[in-house]
Protein backbone atom coordinates (compact mmCIF):
# COMPACT_ATOMS: atom_id res chain seq x y z
CA MET A 1 -6.15 27.63 24.69
CA SER A 2 -5.24 24.13 23.26
CA ALA A 3 -7.30 22.43 20.71
CA ARG A 4 -9.49 20.03 21.23
CA PRO A 5 -8.46 16.53 20.96
CA GLN A 6 -9.66 14.58 17.81
CA PRO A 7 -11.97 11.91 18.75
CA VAL A 8 -11.11 8.43 17.89
CA VAL A 9 -14.07 5.34 18.42
CA MET A 10 -12.72 1.94 18.68
CA ILE A 11 -14.93 -0.57 17.37
CA GLY A 12 -13.31 -3.56 19.09
CA CYS A 13 -10.62 -4.02 21.09
CA GLY A 14 -9.05 -7.30 21.07
CA GLY A 15 -5.40 -8.39 21.79
CA PHE A 16 -3.68 -7.05 18.51
CA ALA A 17 -5.96 -3.73 18.69
CA ARG A 18 -4.19 -3.29 22.17
CA ARG A 19 -0.66 -4.14 20.74
CA TYR A 20 -0.76 -2.34 17.78
CA HIS A 21 -3.27 0.37 17.51
CA VAL A 22 -3.53 1.57 21.08
CA PRO A 23 0.24 2.65 21.89
CA ALA A 24 0.03 4.73 18.70
CA LEU A 25 -3.27 6.40 19.63
CA LEU A 26 -1.82 6.97 23.52
CA ALA A 27 1.42 8.40 22.33
CA ASP A 28 -0.19 11.26 20.35
CA GLU A 29 -1.65 13.93 22.52
CA THR A 30 -4.03 15.34 19.89
CA LEU A 31 -5.76 12.27 19.72
CA ALA A 32 -8.40 10.84 22.50
CA ILE A 33 -10.17 7.50 22.53
CA HIS A 34 -13.68 8.93 23.33
CA THR A 35 -15.88 5.82 22.55
CA LEU A 36 -15.12 2.05 22.78
CA LEU A 37 -17.66 -0.54 21.42
CA ASP A 38 -16.88 -4.18 23.07
CA PRO A 39 -19.66 -6.51 23.81
CA TYR A 40 -17.72 -8.70 25.68
CA PRO A 41 -15.19 -6.29 27.55
CA VAL A 42 -12.05 -7.92 29.13
CA ALA A 43 -9.73 -6.57 32.06
CA GLU A 44 -7.39 -4.85 30.00
CA THR A 45 -10.31 -3.30 27.91
CA HIS A 46 -12.01 -1.99 31.43
CA ALA A 47 -8.25 -0.68 32.24
CA LEU A 48 -8.19 1.07 28.99
CA VAL A 49 -11.56 2.91 29.48
CA GLU A 50 -10.61 3.97 33.00
CA ARG A 51 -7.25 4.95 31.91
CA THR A 52 -8.62 7.38 28.89
CA GLY A 53 -12.15 8.32 30.17
CA ALA A 54 -13.53 6.82 27.05
CA ARG A 55 -17.35 5.62 27.12
CA LEU A 56 -17.92 2.08 26.76
CA VAL A 57 -20.87 0.71 24.55
CA SER A 58 -21.98 -2.39 23.77
CA SER A 59 -23.92 -2.05 20.14
CA LEU A 60 -23.60 -0.22 16.96
CA ALA A 61 -26.80 1.51 17.74
CA ASP A 62 -24.76 3.40 20.72
CA LEU A 63 -22.11 4.82 18.54
CA PRO A 64 -22.21 8.80 18.56
CA ARG A 65 -23.14 10.58 15.51
CA ASP A 66 -22.09 14.07 16.60
CA LEU A 67 -18.27 13.47 16.18
CA PRO A 68 -17.08 15.89 13.36
CA ASP A 69 -13.76 14.58 12.03
CA ALA A 70 -13.97 11.34 14.17
CA ILE A 71 -11.47 8.48 13.59
CA ALA A 72 -12.87 5.03 13.85
CA LEU A 73 -11.02 2.02 14.16
CA VAL A 74 -12.65 -1.53 13.06
CA THR A 75 -10.87 -4.02 14.90
CA THR A 76 -13.46 -6.93 15.22
CA PRO A 77 -13.36 -10.69 14.03
CA HIS A 78 -12.98 -11.17 10.42
CA THR A 79 -16.85 -11.77 9.38
CA LEU A 80 -18.21 -8.53 11.23
CA HIS A 81 -15.74 -6.31 9.30
CA ALA A 82 -18.35 -5.58 6.55
CA GLU A 83 -21.13 -4.74 8.92
CA HIS A 84 -19.03 -2.62 11.51
CA THR A 85 -17.12 -0.74 8.57
CA ALA A 86 -20.27 0.16 6.89
CA ALA A 87 -22.08 1.30 10.23
CA ALA A 88 -18.85 3.65 11.07
CA LEU A 89 -19.12 5.37 7.61
CA GLU A 90 -22.58 5.92 7.99
CA CYS A 91 -21.95 7.71 11.73
CA GLY A 92 -19.88 9.91 9.61
CA TYR A 93 -16.42 8.60 10.39
CA ASN A 94 -13.31 8.32 8.76
CA VAL A 95 -12.71 4.62 8.94
CA LEU A 96 -9.30 2.40 9.25
CA VAL A 97 -9.99 -1.20 9.36
CA ASP A 98 -7.52 -4.17 10.02
CA LYS A 99 -7.25 -6.82 7.47
CA PRO A 100 -8.44 -8.91 6.19
CA PHE A 101 -10.98 -5.97 5.25
CA VAL A 102 -13.94 -8.06 4.31
CA SER A 103 -14.77 -11.62 3.12
CA HIS A 104 -16.18 -10.96 -0.52
CA ALA A 105 -15.08 -8.52 -3.05
CA SER A 106 -18.60 -7.29 -3.66
CA GLU A 107 -18.50 -6.16 0.09
CA ALA A 108 -15.53 -4.27 -0.67
CA ARG A 109 -16.50 -2.60 -3.74
CA ALA A 110 -19.61 -1.40 -1.89
CA LEU A 111 -17.75 -0.12 0.88
CA ALA A 112 -15.08 1.68 -1.38
CA ASP A 113 -17.96 3.53 -3.32
CA ARG A 114 -19.74 4.24 0.02
CA ALA A 115 -16.81 6.21 1.71
CA HIS A 116 -15.88 7.88 -1.80
CA ALA A 117 -19.67 9.27 -2.09
CA LEU A 118 -19.29 10.34 1.81
CA GLY A 119 -15.77 11.91 1.44
CA ALA A 120 -14.64 9.80 4.65
CA VAL A 121 -10.96 9.04 4.87
CA ASN A 122 -10.60 5.24 4.42
CA ALA A 123 -7.78 2.38 4.96
CA VAL A 124 -7.29 -1.06 5.60
CA ALA A 125 -4.09 -1.50 8.04
CA TYR A 126 -2.23 -3.92 6.00
CA ASN A 127 0.66 -3.57 8.33
CA ARG A 128 3.38 -5.21 6.14
CA ARG A 129 3.28 -2.09 3.79
CA PHE A 130 4.89 -0.15 7.00
CA ASP A 131 8.22 -2.78 7.42
CA ARG A 132 11.05 -1.32 6.39
CA GLY A 133 12.13 -4.78 4.82
CA CYS A 134 9.29 -4.71 2.46
CA LEU A 135 9.68 -1.14 1.67
CA ARG A 136 13.49 -1.59 0.73
CA ALA A 137 12.59 -4.81 -1.25
CA ARG A 138 9.90 -3.04 -3.62
CA GLU A 139 12.68 0.01 -3.77
CA ILE A 140 14.87 -2.83 -5.14
CA LEU A 141 12.38 -4.55 -7.45
CA ARG A 142 11.13 -1.12 -9.14
CA ALA A 143 14.85 -0.53 -9.85
CA GLY A 144 15.45 -3.86 -11.48
CA GLY A 145 17.99 -4.93 -8.71
CA ILE A 146 17.45 -8.58 -9.07
CA GLY A 147 16.10 -8.41 -12.93
CA ALA A 148 12.99 -9.80 -14.59
CA VAL A 149 11.36 -11.67 -11.69
CA ARG A 150 10.67 -15.14 -12.44
CA PHE A 151 9.17 -16.98 -9.53
CA VAL A 152 7.86 -16.20 -6.01
CA GLN A 153 7.30 -18.51 -3.15
CA THR A 154 5.88 -17.57 0.13
CA VAL A 155 5.36 -19.60 3.15
CA GLN A 156 3.21 -18.86 6.01
CA LEU A 157 2.92 -21.62 8.92
CA GLY A 158 1.39 -21.75 12.06
CA TYR A 159 -2.17 -20.18 12.75
CA GLU A 160 -4.40 -19.13 16.00
CA ARG A 161 -4.77 -22.24 18.31
CA ALA A 162 -8.20 -21.20 19.76
CA GLY A 163 -10.48 -18.53 20.25
CA TRP A 164 -13.04 -16.99 17.57
CA PHE A 165 -10.62 -17.47 14.85
CA LEU A 166 -11.58 -21.11 14.86
CA VAL A 167 -15.15 -20.30 14.58
CA PRO A 168 -16.46 -20.07 10.84
CA SER A 169 -19.19 -17.45 11.75
CA LEU A 170 -16.60 -14.96 13.17
CA GLY A 171 -13.21 -16.10 11.63
CA GLY A 172 -14.75 -16.94 8.20
CA GLY A 173 -12.04 -19.11 6.92
CA GLY A 174 -8.79 -20.36 8.72
CA PRO A 175 -5.16 -19.30 7.53
CA TYR A 176 -6.35 -18.51 4.24
CA THR A 177 -8.34 -15.64 5.83
CA GLY A 178 -6.36 -14.76 8.43
CA ARG A 179 -2.70 -14.93 7.05
CA ALA A 180 -2.63 -15.56 3.49
CA SER A 181 -4.87 -12.47 3.20
CA HIS A 182 -1.23 -10.17 4.09
CA MET A 183 0.37 -12.11 1.57
CA ALA A 184 -2.55 -11.72 -1.45
CA ASP A 185 -1.65 -7.59 -0.50
CA ILE A 186 1.99 -7.31 -0.27
CA VAL A 187 3.37 -9.64 -3.01
CA PRO A 188 1.06 -7.96 -5.74
CA TRP A 189 2.19 -4.48 -4.12
CA LEU A 190 6.06 -5.65 -4.17
CA LEU A 191 5.79 -7.05 -7.75
CA GLY A 192 3.38 -3.89 -9.27
CA ARG A 193 1.32 -6.65 -10.96
CA GLN A 194 -1.88 -8.67 -9.94
CA PRO A 195 -2.31 -12.48 -10.55
CA THR A 196 -4.68 -13.29 -13.45
CA ALA A 197 -5.58 -17.01 -12.45
CA LEU A 198 -5.07 -18.95 -9.60
CA ARG A 199 -5.90 -22.65 -8.13
CA SER A 200 -6.00 -23.80 -4.76
CA ARG A 201 -6.25 -27.00 -2.55
CA LEU A 202 -7.76 -26.40 0.81
CA ARG A 203 -7.53 -28.77 3.93
CA ASP A 204 -10.85 -29.30 5.69
CA GLY A 205 -10.69 -28.42 9.57
CA GLY A 206 -13.69 -30.73 10.49
CA PRO A 207 -17.36 -30.01 11.83
CA GLY A 208 -17.71 -26.62 13.45
CA ARG A 209 -14.49 -25.14 12.60
CA THR A 210 -12.35 -23.41 10.28
CA ASP A 211 -10.01 -24.60 7.67
CA ARG A 212 -6.60 -26.00 8.61
CA GLY A 213 -5.04 -23.68 5.60
CA GLY A 214 -3.87 -24.83 2.19
CA PHE A 215 -1.77 -24.16 -1.15
CA ILE A 216 -2.33 -21.69 -3.90
CA GLU A 217 -0.81 -21.46 -7.16
CA LEU A 218 -1.31 -17.90 -8.80
CA ASP A 219 -0.31 -17.17 -12.60
CA LEU A 220 0.82 -13.74 -13.21
CA GLY A 221 1.56 -14.12 -16.91
CA ASP A 222 5.62 -14.99 -17.41
CA LEU A 223 5.88 -16.06 -13.49
CA GLU A 224 4.11 -17.95 -10.75
CA TRP A 225 3.48 -17.64 -7.49
CA GLN A 226 3.27 -20.66 -5.02
CA ALA A 227 1.81 -19.71 -1.49
CA THR A 228 1.83 -22.36 1.29
CA CYS A 229 -0.23 -21.48 4.13
CA ILE A 230 -0.94 -23.84 6.38
CA GLU A 231 -1.66 -24.17 10.29
CA GLU A 232 1.58 -26.73 10.97
CA GLY A 233 5.32 -25.78 11.22
CA TRP A 234 7.19 -23.12 12.98
CA HIS A 235 4.61 -21.17 14.30
CA MET A 236 3.57 -17.80 12.72
CA TRP A 237 6.41 -18.34 10.41
CA ASP A 238 6.38 -15.88 7.32
CA GLU A 239 8.68 -15.91 4.33
CA VAL A 240 8.73 -14.23 0.61
CA ARG A 241 11.16 -15.30 -1.88
CA ILE A 242 11.45 -13.62 -5.10
CA PHE A 243 13.72 -14.82 -7.63
CA GLY A 244 14.87 -13.04 -10.75
CA GLU A 245 17.02 -13.49 -13.59
CA ASP A 246 19.91 -11.52 -11.70
CA GLY A 247 19.43 -12.12 -8.02
CA LEU A 248 16.95 -12.95 -4.83
CA LEU A 249 14.86 -11.27 -2.40
CA GLU A 250 14.30 -13.04 0.67
CA LEU A 251 11.74 -11.64 3.47
CA ARG A 252 11.37 -13.12 6.88
CA ARG A 253 9.78 -12.46 10.07
CA PRO A 254 11.92 -13.85 12.88
CA LEU A 255 10.24 -16.02 15.38
CA THR A 256 11.09 -13.93 18.15
CA LEU A 257 9.27 -10.96 16.92
CA PRO A 258 5.52 -10.06 16.45
CA LEU A 259 6.05 -7.60 13.89
CA GLY A 260 8.75 -6.61 11.38
CA TRP A 261 10.66 -8.72 8.59
CA SER A 262 14.16 -9.07 7.76
CA LEU A 263 15.29 -8.50 4.23
CA SER A 264 18.15 -10.31 2.33
CA TRP A 265 19.13 -9.48 -1.10
CA LEU A 266 21.31 -11.76 -3.05
CA THR A 267 23.27 -11.14 -6.25
CA ARG A 268 23.41 -13.32 -9.18
CA ARG A 269 26.28 -15.38 -8.26
CA GLY A 270 24.64 -15.77 -4.52
CA GLU A 271 26.68 -12.88 -2.99
CA GLN A 272 24.91 -10.90 -0.17
CA GLU A 273 24.23 -7.45 -1.54
CA GLU A 274 22.44 -6.07 1.47
CA THR A 275 20.59 -6.76 4.53
CA LEU A 276 18.72 -5.44 6.77
CA ALA A 277 17.30 -6.35 10.53
CA ALA A 278 13.60 -6.76 10.99
CA GLU A 279 12.04 -3.45 12.97
CA PRO A 280 9.46 -4.28 15.07
CA ILE A 281 7.60 -0.96 15.27
CA ALA A 282 3.96 -1.04 16.05
CA GLY A 283 1.25 1.40 14.78
CA GLY A 284 2.78 2.17 11.51
CA ALA A 285 -0.63 1.88 9.79
CA THR A 286 -2.46 3.76 12.71
CA ARG A 287 -0.08 6.93 12.33
CA ASP A 288 0.01 6.80 8.46
CA PHE A 289 -3.98 7.21 8.68
CA VAL A 290 -3.89 9.68 11.29
CA ALA A 291 -1.70 11.75 9.02
CA ALA A 292 -4.08 10.93 6.16
CA VAL A 293 -7.06 12.42 7.87
CA ARG A 294 -5.05 15.39 8.84
CA THR A 295 -3.34 16.29 5.77
CA GLY A 296 -5.35 15.31 3.09
CA SER A 297 -2.74 12.60 2.24
CA ARG A 298 -3.29 9.35 0.26
CA PRO A 299 -3.45 6.64 3.06
CA ALA A 300 -0.93 3.71 2.34
CA CYS A 301 -4.01 1.10 1.32
CA THR A 302 -7.28 2.64 0.77
CA PHE A 303 -10.46 0.56 0.33
CA GLU A 304 -10.08 0.51 -3.12
CA ASP A 305 -6.32 -0.48 -3.07
CA ALA A 306 -7.70 -3.73 -1.03
CA ILE A 307 -10.14 -5.02 -3.21
CA PRO A 308 -7.72 -6.73 -5.48
CA ALA A 309 -6.45 -8.93 -2.01
CA VAL A 310 -10.00 -9.37 -1.05
CA ARG A 311 -10.71 -11.12 -4.42
CA ILE A 312 -7.37 -13.24 -4.37
CA ILE A 313 -8.36 -15.01 -1.27
CA GLU A 314 -12.25 -15.12 -2.12
CA ARG A 315 -11.32 -16.79 -5.61
CA ALA A 316 -8.84 -19.24 -3.56
CA PHE A 317 -11.68 -20.49 -1.49
CA GLU A 318 -13.58 -20.88 -4.68
CA ALA A 319 -11.02 -23.06 -6.69
CA ALA A 320 -10.78 -25.13 -3.35
CA ARG A 321 -13.90 -26.47 -4.37
CA THR A 322 -12.56 -28.08 -7.86
CA PRO A 323 -9.15 -28.70 -6.66
CA GLY A 324 -6.61 -28.45 -9.72
CA GLU A 325 -8.95 -26.33 -11.87
CA TRP A 326 -7.61 -22.65 -12.69
CA LEU A 327 -10.11 -19.86 -12.02
CA ALA A 328 -9.73 -16.26 -13.43
CA VAL A 329 -8.82 -13.96 -10.27
CA GLY A 330 -10.99 -10.78 -12.60
CA SER A 331 -10.90 -7.21 -11.76
């Protein structure tokens, strides 16, 4: 007789969840979507419920509490992550939450501590950590492939054009929250070091909507990181340039792909050392988390690991209130 499939509880089922998480869940025959929480289900959500036989509920109070070893995916609007993640932990679930995790470092700390106290496996789905270009760049940096790093520049252009992302009570902030949060995680992860101070300039979005992004300068001691994250320009462009004494690493997301960053490694004199094409494979964070629950391995990015990225974005918003002033990032 086959073992009972491991239950999955989906808290939210928006477009990203359906593109990124759901294919990985359906491809694993040892998993079963048991419950799906969505107070405003669209046609695609109803189709998923019909396909899987999942129970559709509309509130946190309706989540089941009798599911040992259940996996929960929190994929709701940004400002709801803290409440929904806390509820999932109290239900006894192991919890994977989409970035940007939460809005405030105090929330991140409280959730990390609670997950530890409950013994729950926990992670944040910073999916860039699974791109082969990013993984290779990290290897090159660890091996000193471009020498001492002296300057980092990141550019993110474009943002969502409609929907809850632009509503402050749901989206939180604009591009800083939805997009720069990726860079706040991946750049320190690549470099193996965190910024100590930053300053920021934010562009107002007008009454009733989130901001339009802006510019952040971050001090990492002997190097500076300049981050641009604005609504205008090539829609959904992502680019990371890491300059060392002996070379350059460039990571870019092709405009034609929803996932995956290409890698270009240049030597000191500009010769091409290595290239990697983008690999648009969805579900890396999902599969990593499932494996961690089953084997006891450490997820790629735990709640604890995600706290510094939350702190960077929170401080960037605070610094924007006094443009030009450097604020300590803290620890």
